[in-house]
N, C-alpha and C. Protein backbone atom coordinates (compact mmCIF):
# COMPACT_ATOMS: atom_id res chain seq x y z
N MET A 1 -26.59 31.15 55.72
CA MET A 1 -25.35 30.43 55.89
C MET A 1 -24.39 30.71 54.74
N ALA A 2 -24.90 30.72 53.51
CA ALA A 2 -24.06 31.00 52.35
C ALA A 2 -23.55 32.43 52.38
N ASP A 3 -24.39 33.36 52.89
CA ASP A 3 -23.98 34.75 52.99
C ASP A 3 -22.83 34.90 53.99
N ASP A 4 -22.88 34.15 55.10
CA ASP A 4 -21.81 34.20 56.09
C ASP A 4 -20.50 33.69 55.50
N ASN A 5 -20.58 32.61 54.75
CA ASN A 5 -19.38 32.07 54.09
C ASN A 5 -18.82 33.05 53.07
N LYS A 6 -19.70 33.70 52.35
CA LYS A 6 -19.28 34.69 51.35
C LYS A 6 -18.57 35.86 52.03
N ARG A 7 -19.14 36.34 53.14
CA ARG A 7 -18.51 37.44 53.87
C ARG A 7 -17.16 37.03 54.45
N GLU A 8 -17.08 35.82 54.97
CA GLU A 8 -15.80 35.33 55.50
C GLU A 8 -14.76 35.19 54.39
N ASP A 9 -15.18 34.70 53.24
CA ASP A 9 -14.26 34.59 52.10
C ASP A 9 -13.80 35.97 51.63
N ASP A 10 -14.72 36.92 51.58
CA ASP A 10 -14.37 38.28 51.18
C ASP A 10 -13.40 38.90 52.19
N ALA A 11 -13.66 38.70 53.47
CA ALA A 11 -12.79 39.24 54.51
C ALA A 11 -11.41 38.59 54.44
N ALA A 12 -11.37 37.28 54.21
CA ALA A 12 -10.09 36.58 54.10
C ALA A 12 -9.31 37.07 52.89
N GLN A 13 -10.01 37.29 51.79
CA GLN A 13 -9.34 37.79 50.59
C GLN A 13 -8.83 39.22 50.80
N ALA A 14 -9.62 40.07 51.45
CA ALA A 14 -9.19 41.44 51.74
C ALA A 14 -7.99 41.44 52.68
N TYR A 15 -7.99 40.55 53.66
CA TYR A 15 -6.86 40.44 54.59
C TYR A 15 -5.60 40.02 53.83
N TRP A 16 -5.75 39.03 52.97
CA TRP A 16 -4.60 38.54 52.22
C TRP A 16 -4.07 39.62 51.27
N GLN A 17 -4.96 40.36 50.62
CA GLN A 17 -4.52 41.43 49.72
C GLN A 17 -3.78 42.52 50.48
N ALA A 18 -4.28 42.89 51.66
CA ALA A 18 -3.61 43.90 52.48
C ALA A 18 -2.25 43.39 52.94
N ASN A 19 -2.17 42.11 53.29
CA ASN A 19 -0.92 41.49 53.72
C ASN A 19 0.10 41.51 52.58
N VAL A 20 -0.31 41.11 51.40
CA VAL A 20 0.59 41.08 50.25
C VAL A 20 1.03 42.50 49.87
N ARG A 21 0.12 43.46 49.94
CA ARG A 21 0.45 44.85 49.63
C ARG A 21 1.51 45.37 50.61
N LEU A 22 1.37 45.05 51.89
CA LEU A 22 2.36 45.44 52.88
C LEU A 22 3.71 44.79 52.60
N LEU A 23 3.70 43.50 52.29
CA LEU A 23 4.95 42.80 52.00
C LEU A 23 5.65 43.37 50.78
N ILE A 24 4.91 43.67 49.74
CA ILE A 24 5.51 44.24 48.52
C ILE A 24 6.11 45.61 48.82
N THR A 25 5.38 46.42 49.58
CA THR A 25 5.88 47.75 49.94
C THR A 25 7.19 47.64 50.73
N LEU A 26 7.22 46.74 51.69
CA LEU A 26 8.44 46.59 52.51
C LEU A 26 9.58 45.96 51.72
N LEU A 27 9.27 45.09 50.78
CA LEU A 27 10.33 44.53 49.93
C LEU A 27 10.93 45.60 49.02
N VAL A 28 10.09 46.49 48.53
CA VAL A 28 10.60 47.60 47.71
C VAL A 28 11.49 48.51 48.57
N ALA A 29 11.07 48.79 49.79
CA ALA A 29 11.89 49.59 50.69
C ALA A 29 13.21 48.88 50.98
N TRP A 30 13.15 47.58 51.22
CA TRP A 30 14.36 46.79 51.47
C TRP A 30 15.31 46.87 50.27
N PHE A 31 14.76 46.73 49.07
CA PHE A 31 15.58 46.81 47.86
C PHE A 31 16.19 48.20 47.71
N ALA A 32 15.39 49.23 47.97
CA ALA A 32 15.89 50.60 47.83
C ALA A 32 17.03 50.87 48.80
N VAL A 33 16.89 50.40 50.03
CA VAL A 33 17.94 50.64 51.04
C VAL A 33 19.18 49.83 50.72
N SER A 34 19.02 48.54 50.46
CA SER A 34 20.19 47.69 50.29
C SER A 34 20.86 47.86 48.93
N PHE A 35 20.10 47.76 47.88
CA PHE A 35 20.68 47.81 46.54
C PHE A 35 20.82 49.24 46.05
N GLY A 36 19.78 50.04 46.27
CA GLY A 36 19.80 51.41 45.78
C GLY A 36 20.83 52.27 46.46
N LEU A 37 20.73 52.39 47.79
CA LEU A 37 21.65 53.26 48.53
C LEU A 37 23.02 52.63 48.72
N GLY A 38 23.07 51.32 48.88
CA GLY A 38 24.34 50.66 49.15
C GLY A 38 25.18 50.38 47.93
N ILE A 39 24.55 50.29 46.74
CA ILE A 39 25.30 49.93 45.54
C ILE A 39 25.14 50.96 44.42
N ILE A 40 23.90 51.18 44.00
CA ILE A 40 23.67 52.04 42.83
C ILE A 40 24.05 53.49 43.12
N LEU A 41 23.60 54.03 44.23
CA LEU A 41 23.85 55.44 44.54
C LEU A 41 25.11 55.66 45.35
N ALA A 42 25.86 54.60 45.63
CA ALA A 42 27.06 54.72 46.47
C ALA A 42 28.08 55.72 45.93
N PRO A 43 28.37 55.75 44.63
CA PRO A 43 29.37 56.73 44.16
C PRO A 43 28.96 58.18 44.45
N TRP A 44 27.68 58.49 44.31
CA TRP A 44 27.21 59.85 44.60
C TRP A 44 27.16 60.10 46.10
N LEU A 45 26.74 59.10 46.86
CA LEU A 45 26.68 59.26 48.30
C LEU A 45 28.07 59.37 48.91
N ASN A 46 29.07 58.80 48.24
CA ASN A 46 30.44 58.86 48.76
C ASN A 46 31.01 60.27 48.74
N LEU A 47 30.35 61.18 48.04
CA LEU A 47 30.78 62.58 48.05
C LEU A 47 30.49 63.24 49.38
N ILE A 48 29.60 62.64 50.18
CA ILE A 48 29.23 63.15 51.49
C ILE A 48 29.93 62.30 52.55
N GLN A 49 30.50 62.95 53.53
CA GLN A 49 31.18 62.25 54.62
C GLN A 49 30.28 62.20 55.85
N LEU A 50 30.25 61.06 56.52
CA LEU A 50 29.50 60.89 57.77
C LEU A 50 30.46 60.35 58.81
N GLY A 51 30.90 61.19 59.71
CA GLY A 51 31.87 60.77 60.72
C GLY A 51 33.19 60.38 60.11
N GLY A 52 33.58 61.04 59.02
CA GLY A 52 34.85 60.75 58.35
C GLY A 52 34.78 59.55 57.41
N VAL A 53 33.59 58.98 57.23
CA VAL A 53 33.42 57.81 56.37
C VAL A 53 32.50 58.22 55.21
N PRO A 54 32.80 57.80 53.98
CA PRO A 54 31.91 58.11 52.87
C PRO A 54 30.50 57.55 53.13
N LEU A 55 29.48 58.36 52.83
CA LEU A 55 28.11 57.97 53.13
C LEU A 55 27.68 56.71 52.39
N GLY A 56 28.13 56.52 51.15
CA GLY A 56 27.78 55.30 50.41
C GLY A 56 28.32 54.06 51.09
N PHE A 57 29.55 54.14 51.57
CA PHE A 57 30.14 53.02 52.31
C PHE A 57 29.37 52.78 53.60
N TRP A 58 29.00 53.89 54.29
CA TRP A 58 28.25 53.75 55.54
C TRP A 58 26.92 53.06 55.29
N PHE A 59 26.20 53.44 54.23
CA PHE A 59 24.93 52.78 53.93
C PHE A 59 25.13 51.31 53.61
N ALA A 60 26.20 50.99 52.89
CA ALA A 60 26.44 49.59 52.54
C ALA A 60 26.78 48.77 53.76
N GLN A 61 27.45 49.36 54.75
CA GLN A 61 27.90 48.61 55.91
C GLN A 61 26.97 48.71 57.11
N GLN A 62 26.50 49.91 57.43
CA GLN A 62 25.71 50.12 58.64
C GLN A 62 24.28 50.54 58.35
N GLY A 63 24.12 51.45 57.42
CA GLY A 63 22.80 52.00 57.15
C GLY A 63 21.79 50.96 56.71
N SER A 64 22.23 50.00 55.92
CA SER A 64 21.30 48.96 55.47
C SER A 64 20.83 48.10 56.65
N ILE A 65 21.70 47.89 57.62
CA ILE A 65 21.31 47.12 58.81
C ILE A 65 20.24 47.88 59.58
N TYR A 66 20.46 49.19 59.78
CA TYR A 66 19.45 50.01 60.46
C TYR A 66 18.14 50.03 59.67
N GLY A 67 18.27 50.08 58.35
CA GLY A 67 17.08 50.04 57.50
C GLY A 67 16.32 48.73 57.66
N PHE A 68 17.03 47.63 57.70
CA PHE A 68 16.39 46.32 57.86
C PHE A 68 15.68 46.21 59.21
N ILE A 69 16.33 46.71 60.26
CA ILE A 69 15.71 46.68 61.58
C ILE A 69 14.44 47.53 61.59
N ALA A 70 14.51 48.70 60.96
CA ALA A 70 13.32 49.56 60.87
C ALA A 70 12.20 48.86 60.10
N ILE A 71 12.54 48.17 59.03
CA ILE A 71 11.54 47.46 58.23
C ILE A 71 10.89 46.35 59.07
N ILE A 72 11.66 45.67 59.89
CA ILE A 72 11.11 44.62 60.75
C ILE A 72 10.11 45.23 61.74
N PHE A 73 10.49 46.33 62.38
CA PHE A 73 9.58 46.97 63.33
C PHE A 73 8.32 47.49 62.64
N ILE A 74 8.48 48.07 61.46
CA ILE A 74 7.32 48.55 60.71
C ILE A 74 6.40 47.37 60.38
N TYR A 75 6.99 46.24 59.96
CA TYR A 75 6.18 45.07 59.64
C TYR A 75 5.40 44.59 60.85
N VAL A 76 6.03 44.53 62.00
CA VAL A 76 5.36 44.07 63.22
C VAL A 76 4.19 44.98 63.57
N VAL A 77 4.44 46.28 63.57
CA VAL A 77 3.39 47.23 63.94
C VAL A 77 2.24 47.18 62.94
N ARG A 78 2.57 47.19 61.66
CA ARG A 78 1.51 47.20 60.62
C ARG A 78 0.73 45.89 60.59
N MET A 79 1.41 44.75 60.79
CA MET A 79 0.70 43.47 60.80
C MET A 79 -0.20 43.35 62.02
N ASN A 80 0.26 43.83 63.17
CA ASN A 80 -0.60 43.82 64.36
C ASN A 80 -1.85 44.66 64.12
N ALA A 81 -1.69 45.83 63.50
CA ALA A 81 -2.84 46.67 63.18
C ALA A 81 -3.76 45.98 62.18
N LEU A 82 -3.17 45.33 61.19
CA LEU A 82 -3.96 44.61 60.18
C LEU A 82 -4.70 43.44 60.82
N ASP A 83 -4.04 42.71 61.70
CA ASP A 83 -4.68 41.59 62.38
C ASP A 83 -5.86 42.06 63.23
N ARG A 84 -5.66 43.17 63.91
CA ARG A 84 -6.76 43.70 64.74
C ARG A 84 -7.92 44.18 63.86
N ARG A 85 -7.60 44.81 62.74
CA ARG A 85 -8.65 45.30 61.84
C ARG A 85 -9.51 44.16 61.31
N PHE A 86 -8.88 43.02 61.04
CA PHE A 86 -9.62 41.88 60.50
C PHE A 86 -10.02 40.86 61.56
N GLY A 87 -9.71 41.14 62.82
CA GLY A 87 -10.13 40.26 63.90
C GLY A 87 -9.41 38.94 63.99
N VAL A 88 -8.14 38.91 63.57
CA VAL A 88 -7.38 37.65 63.63
C VAL A 88 -6.15 37.80 64.53
N TYR A 89 -6.18 38.77 65.43
CA TYR A 89 -5.03 39.02 66.30
C TYR A 89 -4.97 38.00 67.43
N GLU A 90 -3.75 37.89 67.98
CA GLU A 90 -3.53 37.00 69.11
C GLU A 90 -3.32 37.85 70.35
N ASP A 91 -3.79 37.38 71.49
CA ASP A 91 -3.58 38.12 72.74
C ASP A 91 -2.26 37.76 73.36
């Protein structure tokens, strides 16, 4: 009985660590897209035109939105895979 509890605790801790690792990775990606491309690198990106609009401006206005949507989809797919791996998925 104690061994079963230990295994469940270890599995829960591994699940939580994988979850936090995924969240940190996606938060770094979110920061890179929104702050990095939209603000910090905007002057350099503005040297490139995309449809007649400076690329830095495009990332600040449109690209970051596409990035956020991609991050949401990545989170959903990766969390579903993580849930299935640890047996906590919902049907």
